[in-house]
């Protein structure tokens, strides 16, 4: 039996921020080092359809639904990752999804 790391909001925030940086780097064809946590999604030239797609993919990666409005309410990687990680329902859903994956 493997020991599971306890998922804290700060760990989840860092994981979400890293995922977002990698995602944006890929769709913008840039190096991850060029993606800033405090630059707005619209400043990167993302339109609403790309942002909605990003939140859908992020939700798939997390194992729970992410409301697309969150990326408009929190329009930077830093703000979005902080808000999602602070949401107790999302944290619980991610923990549950990871526990299911680990048990399989």
PDB file of N, CA and C in Angstrom:
ATOM      1  N   UNK A   1       0.844  -1.171   0.000  1.00  0.00           N
ATOM      2  CA  UNK A   1       0.000   0.000   0.000  1.00  0.00           C
ATOM      3  C   UNK A   1       0.896   1.242   0.000  1.00  0.00           C
ATOM      4  N   UNK A   2       0.630   2.193  -0.899  1.00  0.00           N
ATOM      5  CA  UNK A   2       1.428   3.404  -0.967  1.00  0.00           C
ATOM      6  C   UNK A   2       0.811   4.482  -0.093  1.00  0.00           C
ATOM      7  N   UNK A   3       1.664   5.320   0.453  1.00  0.00           N
ATOM      8  CA  UNK A   3       1.191   6.414   1.277  1.00  0.00           C
ATOM      9  C   UNK A   3       0.842   7.581   0.378  1.00  0.00           C
ATOM     10  N   UNK A   4      -0.357   8.147   0.599  1.00  0.00           N
ATOM     11  CA  UNK A   4      -0.807   9.257  -0.206  1.00  0.00           C
ATOM     12  C   UNK A   4      -0.377  10.573   0.417  1.00  0.00           C
ATOM     13  N   UNK A   5       0.071  11.514  -0.386  1.00  0.00           N
ATOM     14  CA  UNK A   5       0.391  12.843   0.094  1.00  0.00           C
ATOM     15  C   UNK A   5      -0.902  13.580   0.381  1.00  0.00           C
ATOM     16  N   UNK A   6      -0.927  14.268   1.510  1.00  0.00           N
ATOM     17  CA  UNK A   6      -2.111  15.052   1.851  1.00  0.00           C
ATOM     18  C   UNK A   6      -2.156  16.265   0.944  1.00  0.00           C
ATOM     19  N   UNK A   7      -3.285  16.467   0.334  1.00  0.00           N
ATOM     20  CA  UNK A   7      -3.453  17.574  -0.598  1.00  0.00           C
ATOM     21  C   UNK A   7      -3.949  18.793   0.173  1.00  0.00           C
ATOM     22  N   UNK A   8      -3.109  19.802   0.247  1.00  0.00           N
ATOM     23  CA  UNK A   8      -3.475  21.046   0.916  1.00  0.00           C
ATOM     24  C   UNK A   8      -3.825  22.094  -0.138  1.00  0.00           C
ATOM     25  N   UNK A   9      -4.516  23.156   0.270  1.00  0.00           N
ATOM     26  CA  UNK A   9      -4.792  24.211  -0.709  1.00  0.00           C
ATOM     27  C   UNK A   9      -3.532  24.775  -1.351  1.00  0.00           C
ATOM     28  N   UNK A  10      -2.448  24.925  -0.607  1.00  0.00           N
ATOM     29  CA  UNK A  10      -1.235  25.485  -1.215  1.00  0.00           C
ATOM     30  C   UNK A  10      -0.617  24.535  -2.238  1.00  0.00           C
ATOM     31  N   UNK A  11      -0.665  23.234  -1.956  1.00  0.00           N
ATOM     32  CA  UNK A  11      -0.167  22.248  -2.927  1.00  0.00           C
ATOM     33  C   UNK A  11      -1.041  22.255  -4.164  1.00  0.00           C
ATOM     34  N   UNK A  12      -2.357  22.266  -3.970  1.00  0.00           N
ATOM     35  CA  UNK A  12      -3.272  22.278  -5.112  1.00  0.00           C
ATOM     36  C   UNK A  12      -3.097  23.558  -5.923  1.00  0.00           C
ATOM     37  N   UNK A  13      -2.919  24.687  -5.264  1.00  0.00           N
ATOM     38  CA  UNK A  13      -2.716  25.940  -5.990  1.00  0.00           C
ATOM     39  C   UNK A  13      -1.489  25.856  -6.886  1.00  0.00           C
ATOM     40  N   UNK A  14      -0.395  25.328  -6.354  1.00  0.00           N
ATOM     41  CA  UNK A  14       0.826  25.189  -7.158  1.00  0.00           C
ATOM     42  C   UNK A  14       0.617  24.237  -8.329  1.00  0.00           C
ATOM     43  N   UNK A  15      -0.089  23.134  -8.087  1.00  0.00           N
ATOM     44  CA  UNK A  15      -0.354  22.168  -9.164  1.00  0.00           C
ATOM     45  C   UNK A  15      -1.211  22.790 -10.259  1.00  0.00           C
ATOM     46  N   UNK A  16      -2.240  23.528  -9.868  1.00  0.00           N
ATOM     47  CA  UNK A  16      -3.116  24.176 -10.853  1.00  0.00           C
ATOM     48  C   UNK A  16      -2.323  25.221 -11.640  1.00  0.00           C
ATOM     49  N   UNK A  17      -1.520  26.015 -10.954  1.00  0.00           N
ATOM     50  CA  UNK A  17      -0.711  27.037 -11.634  1.00  0.00           C
ATOM     51  C   UNK A  17       0.246  26.390 -12.630  1.00  0.00           C
ATOM     52  N   UNK A  18       0.894  25.309 -12.236  1.00  0.00           N
ATOM     53  CA  UNK A  18       1.811  24.609 -13.147  1.00  0.00           C
ATOM     54  C   UNK A  18       1.070  24.040 -14.347  1.00  0.00           C
ATOM     55  N   UNK A  19      -0.113  23.476 -14.118  1.00  0.00           N
ATOM     56  CA  UNK A  19      -0.911  22.934 -15.222  1.00  0.00           C
ATOM     57  C   UNK A  19      -1.281  24.063 -16.181  1.00  0.00           C
ATOM     58  N   UNK A  20      -1.745  25.194 -15.634  1.00  0.00           N
ATOM     59  CA  UNK A  20      -2.149  26.319 -16.480  1.00  0.00           C
ATOM     60  C   UNK A  20      -0.975  26.849 -17.295  1.00  0.00           C
ATOM     61  N   UNK A  21       0.199  26.953 -16.672  1.00  0.00           N
ATOM     62  CA  UNK A  21       1.383  27.417 -17.410  1.00  0.00           C
ATOM     63  C   UNK A  21       1.698  26.477 -18.562  1.00  0.00           C
ATOM     64  N   UNK A  22       1.667  25.189 -18.297  1.00  0.00           N
ATOM     65  CA  UNK A  22       1.961  24.210 -19.346  1.00  0.00           C
ATOM     66  C   UNK A  22       0.903  24.272 -20.451  1.00  0.00           C
ATOM     67  N   UNK A  23      -0.357  24.397 -20.068  1.00  0.00           N
ATOM     68  CA  UNK A  23      -1.447  24.457 -21.040  1.00  0.00           C
ATOM     69  C   UNK A  23      -1.286  25.688 -21.937  1.00  0.00           C
ATOM     70  N   UNK A  24      -1.083  26.858 -21.316  1.00  0.00           N
ATOM     71  CA  UNK A  24      -0.940  28.076 -22.110  1.00  0.00           C
ATOM     72  C   UNK A  24       0.297  28.028 -22.988  1.00  0.00           C
ATOM     73  N   UNK A  25       1.391  27.509 -22.455  1.00  0.00           N
ATOM     74  CA  UNK A  25       2.604  27.396 -23.272  1.00  0.00           C
ATOM     75  C   UNK A  25       2.344  26.552 -24.514  1.00  0.00           C
ATOM     76  N   UNK A  26       1.606  25.482 -24.337  1.00  0.00           N
ATOM     77  CA  UNK A  26       1.317  24.605 -25.470  1.00  0.00           C
ATOM     78  C   UNK A  26       0.431  25.287 -26.502  1.00  0.00           C
ATOM     79  N   UNK A  27      -0.666  25.900 -26.059  1.00  0.00           N
ATOM     80  CA  UNK A  27      -1.574  26.482 -27.052  1.00  0.00           C
ATOM     81  C   UNK A  27      -1.023  27.763 -27.674  1.00  0.00           C
ATOM     82  N   UNK A  28      -0.126  28.441 -26.945  1.00  0.00           N
ATOM     83  CA  UNK A  28       0.468  29.667 -27.481  1.00  0.00           C
ATOM     84  C   UNK A  28       1.803  29.419 -28.178  1.00  0.00           C
ATOM     85  N   UNK A  29       2.248  28.155 -28.142  1.00  0.00           N
ATOM     86  CA  UNK A  29       3.526  27.767 -28.739  1.00  0.00           C
ATOM     87  C   UNK A  29       4.677  28.618 -28.178  1.00  0.00           C
ATOM     88  N   UNK A  30       4.715  28.654 -26.838  1.00  0.00           N
ATOM     89  CA  UNK A  30       5.759  29.387 -26.118  1.00  0.00           C
ATOM     90  C   UNK A  30       6.391  28.468 -25.092  1.00  0.00           C
ATOM     91  N   UNK A  31       7.539  28.876 -24.594  1.00  0.00           N
ATOM     92  CA  UNK A  31       8.165  28.150 -23.490  1.00  0.00           C
ATOM     93  C   UNK A  31       7.387  28.459 -22.206  1.00  0.00           C
ATOM     94  N   UNK A  32       7.322  27.482 -21.306  1.00  0.00           N
ATOM     95  CA  UNK A  32       6.634  27.711 -20.030  1.00  0.00           C
ATOM     96  C   UNK A  32       7.241  28.883 -19.283  1.00  0.00           C
ATOM     97  N   UNK A  33       8.533  29.077 -19.414  1.00  0.00           N
ATOM     98  CA  UNK A  33       9.196  30.180 -18.717  1.00  0.00           C
ATOM     99  C   UNK A  33       8.708  31.553 -19.185  1.00  0.00           C
ATOM    100  N   UNK A  34       8.069  31.598 -20.342  1.00  0.00           N
ATOM    101  CA  UNK A  34       7.540  32.852 -20.872  1.00  0.00           C
ATOM    102  C   UNK A  34       6.130  33.147 -20.357  1.00  0.00           C
ATOM    103  N   UNK A  35       5.517  32.200 -19.698  1.00  0.00           N
ATOM    104  CA  UNK A  35       4.153  32.374 -19.197  1.00  0.00           C
ATOM    105  C   UNK A  35       4.229  32.901 -17.769  1.00  0.00           C
ATOM    106  N   UNK A  36       3.683  34.092 -17.570  1.00  0.00           N
ATOM    107  CA  UNK A  36       3.710  34.744 -16.262  1.00  0.00           C
ATOM    108  C   UNK A  36       2.410  34.468 -15.498  1.00  0.00           C
ATOM    109  N   UNK A  37       2.549  34.237 -14.209  1.00  0.00           N
ATOM    110  CA  UNK A  37       1.384  33.936 -13.374  1.00  0.00           C
ATOM    111  C   UNK A  37       0.436  35.121 -13.238  1.00  0.00           C
ATOM    112  N   UNK A  38       0.955  36.337 -13.382  1.00  0.00           N
ATOM    113  CA  UNK A  38       0.135  37.531 -13.143  1.00  0.00           C
ATOM    114  C   UNK A  38      -0.355  38.216 -14.419  1.00  0.00           C
ATOM    115  N   UNK A  39      -0.058  37.646 -15.568  1.00  0.00           N
ATOM    116  CA  UNK A  39      -0.537  38.210 -16.833  1.00  0.00           C
ATOM    117  C   UNK A  39      -1.938  37.676 -17.116  1.00  0.00           C
ATOM    118  N   UNK A  40      -2.834  38.577 -17.509  1.00  0.00           N
ATOM    119  CA  UNK A  40      -4.221  38.160 -17.735  1.00  0.00           C
ATOM    120  C   UNK A  40      -4.333  37.251 -18.955  1.00  0.00           C
ATOM    121  N   UNK A  41      -5.350  36.410 -18.910  1.00  0.00           N
ATOM    122  CA  UNK A  41      -5.596  35.499 -20.032  1.00  0.00           C
ATOM    123  C   UNK A  41      -5.854  36.280 -21.314  1.00  0.00           C
ATOM    124  N   UNK A  42      -6.586  37.393 -21.208  1.00  0.00           N
ATOM    125  CA  UNK A  42      -6.870  38.179 -22.405  1.00  0.00           C
ATOM    126  C   UNK A  42      -5.604  38.852 -22.940  1.00  0.00           C
ATOM    127  N   UNK A  43      -4.664  39.188 -22.072  1.00  0.00           N
ATOM    128  CA  UNK A  43      -3.401  39.786 -22.520  1.00  0.00           C
ATOM    129  C   UNK A  43      -2.611  38.792 -23.374  1.00  0.00           C
ATOM    130  N   UNK A  44      -2.800  37.498 -23.095  1.00  0.00           N
ATOM    131  CA  UNK A  44      -2.176  36.465 -23.922  1.00  0.00           C
ATOM    132  C   UNK A  44      -2.946  36.247 -25.220  1.00  0.00           C
ATOM    133  N   UNK A  45      -4.047  36.966 -25.386  1.00  0.00           N
ATOM    134  CA  UNK A  45      -4.814  36.859 -26.616  1.00  0.00           C
ATOM    135  C   UNK A  45      -5.856  35.755 -26.620  1.00  0.00           C
ATOM    136  N   UNK A  46      -6.158  35.224 -25.437  1.00  0.00           N
ATOM    137  CA  UNK A  46      -7.157  34.157 -25.367  1.00  0.00           C
ATOM    138  C   UNK A  46      -8.557  34.746 -25.457  1.00  0.00           C
ATOM    139  N   UNK A  47      -9.373  34.193 -26.342  1.00  0.00           N
ATOM    140  CA  UNK A  47     -10.756  34.635 -26.410  1.00  0.00           C
ATOM    141  C   UNK A  47     -11.611  33.716 -25.536  1.00  0.00           C
ATOM    142  N   UNK A  48     -12.890  34.034 -25.458  1.00  0.00           N
ATOM    143  CA  UNK A  48     -13.768  33.304 -24.536  1.00  0.00           C
ATOM    144  C   UNK A  48     -13.845  31.813 -24.860  1.00  0.00           C
ATOM    145  N   UNK A  49     -13.813  31.443 -26.126  1.00  0.00           N
ATOM    146  CA  UNK A  49     -13.911  30.015 -26.459  1.00  0.00           C
ATOM    147  C   UNK A  49     -12.669  29.254 -25.995  1.00  0.00           C
ATOM    148  N   UNK A  50     -11.508  29.860 -26.096  1.00  0.00           N
ATOM    149  CA  UNK A  50     -10.276  29.218 -25.632  1.00  0.00           C
ATOM    150  C   UNK A  50     -10.286  29.120 -24.110  1.00  0.00           C
ATOM    151  N   UNK A  51     -10.749  30.163 -23.444  1.00  0.00           N
ATOM    152  CA  UNK A  51     -10.805  30.160 -21.976  1.00  0.00           C
ATOM    153  C   UNK A  51     -11.785  29.101 -21.484  1.00  0.00           C
ATOM    154  N   UNK A  52     -12.928  28.981 -22.131  1.00  0.00           N
ATOM    155  CA  UNK A  52     -13.897  27.947 -21.748  1.00  0.00           C
ATOM    156  C   UNK A  52     -13.295  26.562 -21.975  1.00  0.00           C
ATOM    157  N   UNK A  53     -12.610  26.381 -23.089  1.00  0.00           N
ATOM    158  CA  UNK A  53     -11.941  25.105 -23.346  1.00  0.00           C
ATOM    159  C   UNK A  53     -10.882  24.800 -22.304  1.00  0.00           C
ATOM    160  N   UNK A  54     -10.147  25.826 -21.889  1.00  0.00           N
ATOM    161  CA  UNK A  54      -9.121  25.641 -20.871  1.00  0.00           C
ATOM    162  C   UNK A  54      -9.747  25.182 -19.552  1.00  0.00           C
ATOM    163  N   UNK A  55     -10.833  25.808 -19.137  1.00  0.00           N
ATOM    164  CA  UNK A  55     -11.449  25.411 -17.864  1.00  0.00           C
ATOM    165  C   UNK A  55     -12.029  24.002 -17.955  1.00  0.00           C
ATOM    166  N   UNK A  56     -12.519  23.628 -19.121  1.00  0.00           N
ATOM    167  CA  UNK A  56     -13.013  22.260 -19.302  1.00  0.00           C
ATOM    168  C   UNK A  56     -11.887  21.245 -19.195  1.00  0.00           C
ATOM    169  N   UNK A  57     -10.764  21.538 -19.839  1.00  0.00           N
ATOM    170  CA  UNK A  57      -9.601  20.647 -19.755  1.00  0.00           C
ATOM    171  C   UNK A  57      -9.024  20.616 -18.352  1.00  0.00           C
ATOM    172  N   UNK A  58      -9.020  21.763 -17.686  1.00  0.00           N
ATOM    173  CA  UNK A  58      -8.544  21.817 -16.301  1.00  0.00           C
ATOM    174  C   UNK A  58      -9.431  20.956 -15.410  1.00  0.00           C
ATOM    175  N   UNK A  59     -10.741  21.044 -15.610  1.00  0.00           N
ATOM    176  CA  UNK A  59     -11.663  20.209 -14.846  1.00  0.00           C
ATOM    177  C   UNK A  59     -11.435  18.733 -15.088  1.00  0.00           C
ATOM    178  N   UNK A  60     -11.180  18.364 -16.335  1.00  0.00           N
ATOM    179  CA  UNK A  60     -10.876  16.961 -16.648  1.00  0.00           C
ATOM    180  C   UNK A  60      -9.620  16.514 -15.920  1.00  0.00           C
ATOM    181  N   UNK A  61      -8.600  17.372 -15.906  1.00  0.00           N
ATOM    182  CA  UNK A  61      -7.345  17.040 -15.245  1.00  0.00           C
ATOM    183  C   UNK A  61      -7.529  16.924 -13.731  1.00  0.00           C
ATOM    184  N   UNK A  62      -8.322  17.841 -13.161  1.00  0.00           N
ATOM    185  CA  UNK A  62      -8.562  17.807 -11.722  1.00  0.00           C
ATOM    186  C   UNK A  62      -9.483  16.663 -11.304  1.00  0.00           C
ATOM    187  N   UNK A  63     -10.381  16.269 -12.213  1.00  0.00           N
ATOM    188  CA  UNK A  63     -11.360  15.240 -11.876  1.00  0.00           C
ATOM    189  C   UNK A  63     -12.638  15.827 -11.317  1.00  0.00           C
ATOM    190  N   UNK A  64     -12.879  17.120 -11.585  1.00  0.00           N
ATOM    191  CA  UNK A  64     -14.117  17.772 -11.143  1.00  0.00           C
ATOM    192  C   UNK A  64     -14.424  18.924 -12.092  1.00  0.00           C
ATOM    193  N   UNK A  65     -15.661  19.370 -12.065  1.00  0.00           N
ATOM    194  CA  UNK A  65     -16.079  20.446 -12.953  1.00  0.00           C
ATOM    195  C   UNK A  65     -15.518  21.782 -12.466  1.00  0.00           C
ATOM    196  N   UNK A  66     -14.993  22.554 -13.412  1.00  0.00           N
ATOM    197  CA  UNK A  66     -14.557  23.918 -13.132  1.00  0.00           C
ATOM    198  C   UNK A  66     -15.482  24.851 -13.910  1.00  0.00           C
ATOM    199  N   UNK A  67     -16.156  25.722 -13.206  1.00  0.00           N
ATOM    200  CA  UNK A  67     -17.069  26.674 -13.841  1.00  0.00           C
ATOM    201  C   UNK A  67     -16.258  27.601 -14.751  1.00  0.00           C
ATOM    202  N   UNK A  68     -16.604  27.675 -16.033  1.00  0.00           N
ATOM    203  CA  UNK A  68     -15.852  28.549 -16.948  1.00  0.00           C
ATOM    204  C   UNK A  68     -15.822  30.004 -16.488  1.00  0.00           C
ATOM    205  N   UNK A  69     -16.832  30.429 -15.757  1.00  0.00           N
ATOM    206  CA  UNK A  69     -16.866  31.811 -15.271  1.00  0.00           C
ATOM    207  C   UNK A  69     -15.702  32.112 -14.336  1.00  0.00           C
ATOM    208  N   UNK A  70     -15.151  31.088 -13.718  1.00  0.00           N
ATOM    209  CA  UNK A  70     -14.033  31.301 -12.791  1.00  0.00           C
ATOM    210  C   UNK A  70     -12.852  31.970 -13.478  1.00  0.00           C
ATOM    211  N   UNK A  71     -12.587  31.604 -14.721  1.00  0.00           N
ATOM    212  CA  UNK A  71     -11.453  32.193 -15.439  1.00  0.00           C
ATOM    213  C   UNK A  71     -11.709  33.645 -15.816  1.00  0.00           C
ATOM    214  N   UNK A  72     -12.962  34.047 -15.828  1.00  0.00           N
ATOM    215  CA  UNK A  72     -13.285  35.450 -16.084  1.00  0.00           C
ATOM    216  C   UNK A  72     -13.304  36.233 -14.775  1.00  0.00           C
ATOM    217  N   UNK A  73     -13.746  35.587 -13.705  1.00  0.00           N
ATOM    218  CA  UNK A  73     -13.745  36.218 -12.380  1.00  0.00           C
ATOM    219  C   UNK A  73     -12.329  36.351 -11.830  1.00  0.00           C
ATOM    220  N   UNK A  74     -11.476  35.401 -12.161  1.00  0.00           N
ATOM    221  CA  UNK A  74     -10.080  35.360 -11.690  1.00  0.00           C
ATOM    222  C   UNK A  74      -9.188  35.231 -12.930  1.00  0.00           C
ATOM    223  N   UNK A  75      -8.942  36.352 -13.634  1.00  0.00           N
ATOM    224  CA  UNK A  75      -8.380  36.300 -14.994  1.00  0.00           C
ATOM    225  C   UNK A  75      -6.869  36.148 -15.142  1.00  0.00           C
ATOM    226  N   UNK A  76      -6.198  35.641 -14.126  1.00  0.00           N
ATOM    227  CA  UNK A  76      -4.774  35.328 -14.270  1.00  0.00           C
ATOM    228  C   UNK A  76      -4.559  33.924 -13.703  1.00  0.00           C
ATOM    229  N   UNK A  77      -3.448  33.320 -14.041  1.00  0.00           N
ATOM    230  CA  UNK A  77      -3.138  31.995 -13.494  1.00  0.00           C
ATOM    231  C   UNK A  77      -3.071  32.070 -11.974  1.00  0.00           C
ATOM    232  N   UNK A  78      -2.413  33.089 -11.467  1.00  0.00           N
ATOM    233  CA  UNK A  78      -2.262  33.232 -10.015  1.00  0.00           C
ATOM    234  C   UNK A  78      -3.616  33.331  -9.317  1.00  0.00           C
ATOM    235  N   UNK A  79      -4.472  34.190  -9.803  1.00  0.00           N
ATOM    236  CA  UNK A  79      -5.779  34.386  -9.160  1.00  0.00           C
ATOM    237  C   UNK A  79      -6.683  33.175  -9.326  1.00  0.00           C
ATOM    238  N   UNK A  80      -6.679  32.574 -10.518  1.00  0.00           N
ATOM    239  CA  UNK A  80      -7.521  31.401 -10.758  1.00  0.00           C
ATOM    240  C   UNK A  80      -7.072  30.229  -9.893  1.00  0.00           C
ATOM    241  N   UNK A  81      -5.774  29.961  -9.876  1.00  0.00           N
ATOM    242  CA  UNK A  81      -5.283  28.820  -9.096  1.00  0.00           C
ATOM    243  C   UNK A  81      -5.549  29.029  -7.604  1.00  0.00           C
ATOM    244  N   UNK A  82      -5.392  30.253  -7.114  1.00  0.00           N
ATOM    245  CA  UNK A  82      -5.650  30.538  -5.709  1.00  0.00           C
ATOM    246  C   UNK A  82      -7.136  30.346  -5.371  1.00  0.00           C
ATOM    247  N   UNK A  83      -7.996  30.853  -6.233  1.00  0.00           N
ATOM    248  CA  UNK A  83      -9.435  30.747  -5.985  1.00  0.00           C
ATOM    249  C   UNK A  83      -9.911  29.290  -6.022  1.00  0.00           C
ATOM    250  N   UNK A  84      -9.461  28.539  -7.011  1.00  0.00           N
ATOM    251  CA  UNK A  84      -9.882  27.139  -7.112  1.00  0.00           C
ATOM    252  C   UNK A  84      -9.357  26.317  -5.943  1.00  0.00           C
ATOM    253  N   UNK A  85      -8.109  26.547  -5.553  1.00  0.00           N
ATOM    254  CA  UNK A  85      -7.517  25.784  -4.452  1.00  0.00           C
ATOM    255  C   UNK A  85      -8.182  26.117  -3.115  1.00  0.00           C
ATOM    256  N   UNK A  86      -8.687  27.335  -2.993  1.00  0.00           N
ATOM    257  CA  UNK A  86      -9.338  27.745  -1.748  1.00  0.00           C
ATOM    258  C   UNK A  86     -10.781  27.256  -1.648  1.00  0.00           C
ATOM    259  N   UNK A  87     -11.330  26.767  -2.760  1.00  0.00           N
ATOM    260  CA  UNK A  87     -12.708  26.269  -2.780  1.00  0.00           C
ATOM    261  C   UNK A  87     -12.731  24.874  -2.166  1.00  0.00           C
ATOM    262  N   UNK A  88     -13.326  24.760  -0.997  1.00  0.00           N
ATOM    263  CA  UNK A  88     -13.364  23.481  -0.285  1.00  0.00           C
ATOM    264  C   UNK A  88     -14.014  22.362  -1.078  1.00  0.00           C
ATOM    265  N   UNK A  89     -15.029  22.676  -1.878  1.00  0.00           N
ATOM    266  CA  UNK A  89     -15.691  21.650  -2.679  1.00  0.00           C
ATOM    267  C   UNK A  89     -14.757  21.116  -3.760  1.00  0.00           C
ATOM    268  N   UNK A  90     -13.998  21.995  -4.378  1.00  0.00           N
ATOM    269  CA  UNK A  90     -13.059  21.548  -5.409  1.00  0.00           C
ATOM    270  C   UNK A  90     -11.941  20.736  -4.775  1.00  0.00           C
ATOM    271  N   UNK A  91     -11.418  21.205  -3.656  1.00  0.00           N
ATOM    272  CA  UNK A  91     -10.358  20.467  -2.965  1.00  0.00           C
ATOM    273  C   UNK A  91     -10.834  19.064  -2.605  1.00  0.00           C
ATOM    274  N   UNK A  92     -12.042  18.958  -2.068  1.00  0.00           N
ATOM    275  CA  UNK A  92     -12.590  17.646  -1.696  1.00  0.00           C
ATOM    276  C   UNK A  92     -12.798  16.769  -2.926  1.00  0.00           C
ATOM    277  N   UNK A  93     -13.297  17.353  -4.017  1.00  0.00           N
ATOM    278  CA  UNK A  93     -13.531  16.588  -5.240  1.00  0.00           C
ATOM    279  C   UNK A  93     -12.216  16.068  -5.827  1.00  0.00           C
ATOM    280  N   UNK A  94     -11.184  16.892  -5.789  1.00  0.00           N
ATOM    281  CA  UNK A  94      -9.878  16.468  -6.303  1.00  0.00           C
ATOM    282  C   UNK A  94      -9.310  15.348  -5.434  1.00  0.00           C
ATOM    283  N   UNK A  95      -9.425  15.496  -4.123  1.00  0.00           N
ATOM    284  CA  UNK A  95      -8.945  14.446  -3.220  1.00  0.00           C
ATOM    285  C   UNK A  95      -9.676  13.135  -3.484  1.00  0.00           C
ATOM    286  N   UNK A  96     -10.977  13.212  -3.681  1.00  0.00           N
ATOM    287  CA  UNK A  96     -11.763  12.008  -3.942  1.00  0.00           C
ATOM    288  C   UNK A  96     -11.376  11.387  -5.284  1.00  0.00           C
ATOM    289  N   UNK A  97     -11.223  12.207  -6.310  1.00  0.00           N
ATOM    290  CA  UNK A  97     -10.849  11.694  -7.632  1.00  0.00           C
ATOM    291  C   UNK A  97      -9.481  11.016  -7.585  1.00  0.00           C
ATOM    292  N   UNK A  98      -8.564  11.592  -6.839  1.00  0.00           N
ATOM    293  CA  UNK A  98      -7.229  11.001  -6.739  1.00  0.00           C
ATOM    294  C   UNK A  98      -7.263   9.695  -5.942  1.00  0.00           C
ATOM    295  N   UNK A  99      -8.097   9.646  -4.925  1.00  0.00           N
ATOM    296  CA  UNK A  99      -8.213   8.423  -4.142  1.00  0.00           C
ATOM    297  C   UNK A  99      -8.770   7.291  -5.003  1.00  0.00           C
ATOM    298  N   UNK A 100      -9.734   7.610  -5.858  1.00  0.00           N
ATOM    299  CA  UNK A 100     -10.319   6.608  -6.759  1.00  0.00           C
ATOM    300  C   UNK A 100      -9.256   6.111  -7.744  1.00  0.00           C
ATOM    301  N   UNK A 101      -8.476   7.067  -8.324  1.00  0.00           N
ATOM    302  CA  UNK A 101      -7.432   6.680  -9.275  1.00  0.00           C
ATOM    303  C   UNK A 101      -6.365   5.809  -8.602  1.00  0.00           C
ATOM    304  N   UNK A 102      -6.018   6.153  -7.380  1.00  0.00           N
ATOM    305  CA  UNK A 102      -5.000   5.394  -6.649  1.00  0.00           C
ATOM    306  C   UNK A 102      -5.496   3.979  -6.339  1.00  0.00           C
ATOM    307  N   UNK A 103      -6.787   3.848  -6.039  1.00  0.00           N
ATOM    308  CA  UNK A 103      -7.359   2.546  -5.678  1.00  0.00           C
ATOM    309  C   UNK A 103      -7.471   1.620  -6.892  1.00  0.00           C
ATOM    310  N   UNK A 104      -7.460   2.186  -8.087  1.00  0.00           N
ATOM    311  CA  UNK A 104      -7.650   1.367  -9.298  1.00  0.00           C
ATOM    312  C   UNK A 104      -6.424   0.651  -9.656  1.00  0.00           C
TER     313      UNK A 104
END
